[in-house]
Amino acid sequence: MRTFRFRNLAFIIAVTFMGLFRSPGANAQTISSPYRFIEGSHDFGVMFGIVQENRGAMGIGPGGGSLLGGRYAIELSGPLALEAAGYLIPTDRVVYDAVPGKGLVPLGNTDTMIGGLDVRMRFSLTGDRTWHGVVPFLMAGGGIAGNLSGPSEFTAEIPAAERVGFGPSFLGIMGGGTRWIPFQRLTLRVETSLSIWKVETPLGFSEVKEDLEVFVDQEWLGVGSLVFGASYRF
């Protein structure tokens, strides 16, 4: 009987000591999460990218090229944020002379500086948190775009009614991308978007309408872009 009680007592003491020694380690264990809350509600930075060329059916729209600009964003409730962006697109366009019997005769290319301003609503797919530092998003918005360049060097060679202008035009934009927040204050970003703007045909081009395969009074053009950015959060 004494032997049985001694063994029971020894077993209880052993289990107690094991529990005492293992408890601190068990309490120190934490479950790591791939999600992390985003610090700061303001974001200001620069962006640069490549803009696709789409001159339209008649070839009178601006071409493609590089993009350089700045962006400011403020986080709203939950997954929503409001962004404002301004940018320049140095490009070119083809200058045409409307010649009866020949149609539109190209005179050459002239440098063109396109400027754009837009406001976008951004929706983060992970809400106000990152997933392994990554935040995929969708966006949509609108603004204005236009030609900031002066008169073309071909201005004196063509009548005023044949001079192509661009803008100011309504600008619609939609797209998506990913933000990467490796540190609390730094955000890196890549996005692809589709911008839609209007190109109007000069009145003088209607004089050679019969000589053209395609003639439109105005045309809405979709222009794709790939844009990278870096910003500071505060």
Protein backbone atom coordinates (compact mmCIF):
# COMPACT_ATOMS: atom_id res chain seq x y z
CA MET A 1 0.00 0.00 0.00
CA ARG A 2 2.85 2.42 0.92
CA THR A 3 4.61 1.58 -2.35
CA PHE A 4 1.45 2.36 -4.32
CA ARG A 5 0.99 5.74 -2.56
CA PHE A 6 4.66 6.61 -3.07
CA ARG A 7 4.42 5.94 -6.77
CA ASN A 8 1.30 8.06 -7.05
CA LEU A 9 2.96 10.91 -5.17
CA ALA A 10 6.08 10.69 -7.33
CA PHE A 11 3.95 10.81 -10.51
CA ILE A 12 2.05 13.90 -9.29
CA ILE A 13 5.28 15.71 -8.35
CA ALA A 14 6.85 14.88 -11.76
CA VAL A 15 3.82 16.15 -13.68
CA THR A 16 3.74 19.36 -11.60
CA PHE A 17 7.41 20.13 -12.26
CA MET A 18 6.99 19.48 -15.98
CA GLY A 19 4.08 21.87 -16.05
CA LEU A 20 6.05 24.57 -14.22
CA PHE A 21 9.01 24.32 -16.57
CA ARG A 22 6.88 24.18 -19.74
CA SER A 23 4.41 26.93 -18.88
CA PRO A 24 6.67 29.96 -19.62
CA GLY A 25 7.53 28.55 -23.04
CA ALA A 26 3.90 27.88 -23.84
CA ASN A 27 2.86 31.38 -22.77
CA ALA A 28 5.56 32.93 -24.97
CA GLN A 29 4.31 31.29 -28.13
CA THR A 30 2.44 33.52 -30.57
CA ILE A 31 0.59 32.81 -33.76
CA SER A 32 2.04 34.88 -36.62
CA SER A 33 -0.46 36.44 -39.04
CA PRO A 34 0.13 37.32 -42.70
CA TYR A 35 -2.01 40.44 -42.20
CA ARG A 36 -0.69 43.75 -40.87
CA PHE A 37 -2.57 47.01 -40.35
CA ILE A 38 -1.50 49.93 -42.55
CA GLU A 39 -0.06 52.85 -40.60
CA GLY A 40 -0.78 56.44 -41.62
CA SER A 41 -3.68 57.89 -43.58
CA HIS A 42 -1.87 60.19 -46.04
CA ASP A 43 0.32 59.22 -48.96
CA PHE A 44 2.34 61.50 -51.28
CA GLY A 45 4.73 60.42 -54.02
CA VAL A 46 5.87 60.34 -57.62
CA MET A 47 4.92 58.10 -60.54
CA PHE A 48 6.39 57.25 -63.92
CA GLY A 49 5.41 54.87 -66.68
CA ILE A 50 4.68 54.07 -70.29
CA VAL A 51 1.58 55.13 -72.24
CA GLN A 52 0.25 53.11 -75.16
CA GLU A 53 -0.18 54.70 -78.59
CA ASN A 54 -3.70 55.05 -80.00
CA ARG A 55 -4.03 57.81 -82.61
CA GLY A 56 -7.55 56.81 -83.60
CA ALA A 57 -9.16 55.73 -86.85
CA MET A 58 -8.03 58.86 -88.70
CA GLY A 59 -4.58 58.99 -87.11
CA ILE A 60 -4.93 62.53 -85.79
CA GLY A 61 -4.73 61.81 -82.05
CA PRO A 62 -1.63 62.12 -79.87
CA GLY A 63 0.83 59.23 -79.78
CA GLY A 64 2.18 57.24 -76.88
CA GLY A 65 5.26 57.82 -74.77
CA SER A 66 6.47 58.20 -71.22
CA LEU A 67 4.53 59.52 -68.25
CA LEU A 68 5.80 61.49 -65.26
CA GLY A 69 3.75 62.96 -62.44
CA GLY A 70 2.78 63.09 -58.79
CA ARG A 71 0.03 61.62 -56.65
CA TYR A 72 -1.62 62.33 -53.29
CA ALA A 73 -3.94 59.90 -51.50
CA ILE A 74 -5.92 59.91 -48.29
CA GLU A 75 -7.33 56.78 -46.68
CA LEU A 76 -11.07 56.82 -46.00
CA SER A 77 -13.01 54.25 -43.98
CA GLY A 78 -12.26 50.56 -44.49
CA PRO A 79 -10.90 49.63 -47.92
CA LEU A 80 -11.61 52.99 -49.61
CA ALA A 81 -9.15 55.76 -50.43
CA LEU A 82 -9.35 58.96 -52.48
CA GLU A 83 -6.49 59.83 -54.84
CA ALA A 84 -5.57 62.89 -56.90
CA ALA A 85 -2.98 62.67 -59.67
CA GLY A 86 -1.34 65.11 -62.06
CA TYR A 87 1.00 64.09 -64.87
CA LEU A 88 2.67 65.02 -68.16
CA ILE A 89 2.98 62.87 -71.30
CA PRO A 90 5.56 64.17 -73.79
CA THR A 91 4.60 62.72 -77.16
CA ASP A 92 3.90 63.78 -80.74
CA ARG A 93 1.13 63.92 -83.32
CA VAL A 94 0.97 63.87 -87.10
CA VAL A 95 0.06 67.12 -88.86
CA TYR A 96 -2.11 66.70 -91.98
CA ASP A 97 -3.08 68.93 -94.85
CA ALA A 98 -6.49 68.27 -96.42
CA VAL A 99 -5.90 68.12 -100.19
CA PRO A 100 -8.92 67.53 -102.48
CA GLY A 101 -8.46 64.40 -104.54
CA LYS A 102 -5.70 63.11 -102.25
CA GLY A 103 -7.29 63.16 -98.82
CA LEU A 104 -5.13 63.86 -95.78
CA VAL A 105 -1.51 64.43 -96.73
CA PRO A 106 0.92 64.16 -93.79
CA LEU A 107 3.28 67.11 -93.44
CA GLY A 108 5.29 65.67 -90.53
CA ASN A 109 5.26 65.10 -86.78
CA THR A 110 5.17 67.83 -84.20
CA ASP A 111 6.05 67.58 -80.50
CA THR A 112 3.07 67.57 -78.17
CA MET A 113 2.88 67.80 -74.39
CA ILE A 114 -0.26 66.23 -72.93
CA GLY A 115 -1.23 67.22 -69.40
CA GLY A 116 -3.73 65.39 -67.25
CA LEU A 117 -5.44 65.82 -63.88
CA ASP A 118 -7.75 63.23 -62.36
CA VAL A 119 -9.38 62.10 -59.13
CA ARG A 120 -9.76 58.38 -58.42
CA MET A 121 -11.51 56.17 -55.89
CA ARG A 122 -9.30 53.25 -54.83
CA PHE A 123 -10.66 50.02 -53.36
CA SER A 124 -8.15 47.78 -51.54
CA LEU A 125 -8.98 44.09 -51.74
CA THR A 126 -7.41 43.42 -48.32
CA GLY A 127 -9.14 46.33 -46.61
CA ASP A 128 -7.00 48.50 -44.34
CA ARG A 129 -4.39 45.75 -43.92
CA THR A 130 -1.56 44.28 -45.96
CA TRP A 131 -1.17 40.62 -46.82
CA HIS A 132 2.53 39.75 -46.52
CA GLY A 133 3.12 43.47 -47.14
CA VAL A 134 1.05 43.48 -50.36
CA VAL A 135 -2.22 45.34 -51.01
CA PRO A 136 -3.95 44.60 -54.36
CA PHE A 137 -6.48 47.23 -55.44
CA LEU A 138 -8.98 48.38 -58.06
CA MET A 139 -9.56 52.02 -59.03
CA ALA A 140 -11.84 54.23 -61.13
CA GLY A 141 -12.22 57.97 -61.61
CA GLY A 142 -12.30 60.92 -63.96
CA GLY A 143 -10.61 64.19 -64.77
CA ILE A 144 -9.41 66.36 -67.63
CA ALA A 145 -6.67 66.13 -70.26
CA GLY A 146 -5.39 68.51 -72.92
CA ASN A 147 -2.53 69.72 -75.08
CA LEU A 148 -0.15 72.08 -73.25
CA SER A 149 2.10 72.71 -76.26
CA GLY A 150 2.25 75.93 -78.25
CA PRO A 151 1.46 76.31 -81.97
CA SER A 152 2.96 73.71 -84.30
CA GLU A 153 5.78 74.58 -86.68
CA PHE A 154 3.38 73.60 -89.48
CA THR A 155 0.76 76.18 -88.45
CA ALA A 156 1.57 78.58 -91.28
CA GLU A 157 1.29 75.83 -93.91
CA ILE A 158 -2.33 74.83 -93.25
CA PRO A 159 -5.59 76.80 -92.90
CA ALA A 160 -6.95 77.38 -89.42
CA ALA A 161 -9.93 75.09 -90.16
CA GLU A 162 -7.53 72.14 -90.65
CA ARG A 163 -5.56 72.53 -87.43
CA VAL A 164 -6.07 69.65 -85.03
CA GLY A 165 -6.48 70.49 -81.38
CA PHE A 166 -6.64 68.19 -78.39
CA GLY A 167 -8.69 69.01 -75.35
CA PRO A 168 -9.54 70.07 -72.90
CA SER A 169 -11.29 66.71 -72.88
CA PHE A 170 -13.01 64.71 -70.19
CA LEU A 171 -10.76 61.91 -69.02
CA GLY A 172 -12.14 58.64 -67.66
CA ILE A 173 -9.82 56.14 -66.02
CA MET A 174 -10.13 52.62 -64.61
CA GLY A 175 -7.64 49.93 -63.67
CA GLY A 176 -5.96 48.00 -60.91
CA GLY A 177 -2.62 47.18 -59.41
CA THR A 178 -0.70 46.32 -56.29
CA ARG A 179 0.89 48.31 -53.52
CA TRP A 180 3.83 46.92 -51.56
CA ILE A 181 4.55 48.40 -48.13
CA PRO A 182 7.90 46.96 -47.02
CA PHE A 183 8.32 49.60 -44.29
CA GLN A 184 5.95 51.75 -42.28
CA ARG A 185 6.56 54.96 -44.27
CA LEU A 186 7.47 53.64 -47.73
CA THR A 187 5.01 52.43 -50.38
CA LEU A 188 5.96 51.01 -53.77
CA ARG A 189 3.31 50.60 -56.41
CA VAL A 190 2.63 49.16 -59.86
CA GLU A 191 -0.61 49.56 -61.77
CA THR A 192 -2.13 49.16 -65.20
CA SER A 193 -4.97 51.38 -66.34
CA LEU A 194 -7.15 52.39 -69.27
CA SER A 195 -7.68 56.10 -69.90
CA ILE A 196 -10.44 57.30 -72.25
CA TRP A 197 -10.33 60.74 -73.88
CA LYS A 198 -11.95 62.47 -76.88
CA VAL A 199 -10.32 63.57 -80.14
CA GLU A 200 -12.28 65.92 -82.42
CA THR A 201 -11.83 66.16 -86.20
CA PRO A 202 -11.22 69.68 -87.61
CA LEU A 203 -14.05 71.11 -89.69
CA GLY A 204 -11.75 71.56 -92.67
CA PHE A 205 -11.19 67.82 -93.01
CA SER A 206 -14.82 67.40 -94.13
CA GLU A 207 -13.80 68.91 -97.49
CA VAL A 208 -11.93 65.71 -98.35
CA LYS A 209 -14.43 63.37 -96.73
CA GLU A 210 -15.08 61.60 -100.03
CA ASP A 211 -11.38 60.83 -100.42
CA LEU A 212 -11.07 59.11 -97.02
CA GLU A 213 -11.79 55.51 -96.12
CA VAL A 214 -12.82 56.51 -92.61
CA PHE A 215 -14.24 59.82 -91.41
CA VAL A 216 -15.55 60.56 -87.92
CA ASP A 217 -16.51 63.92 -86.39
CA GLN A 218 -15.17 62.88 -82.99
CA GLU A 219 -13.80 59.72 -81.44
CA TRP A 220 -13.34 58.41 -77.91
CA LEU A 221 -9.97 56.66 -77.65
CA GLY A 222 -8.88 54.15 -75.04
CA VAL A 223 -5.22 54.42 -74.06
CA GLY A 224 -3.54 51.82 -71.85
CA SER A 225 -0.66 52.54 -69.50
CA LEU A 226 1.74 50.80 -67.13
CA VAL A 227 2.76 52.99 -64.21
CA PHE A 228 5.19 52.58 -61.31
CA GLY A 229 5.30 54.74 -58.21
CA ALA A 230 6.97 55.38 -54.87
CA SER A 231 5.47 57.40 -52.03
CA TYR A 232 5.89 58.47 -48.41
CA ARG A 233 3.19 57.68 -45.86
CA PHE A 234 2.42 59.96 -42.92
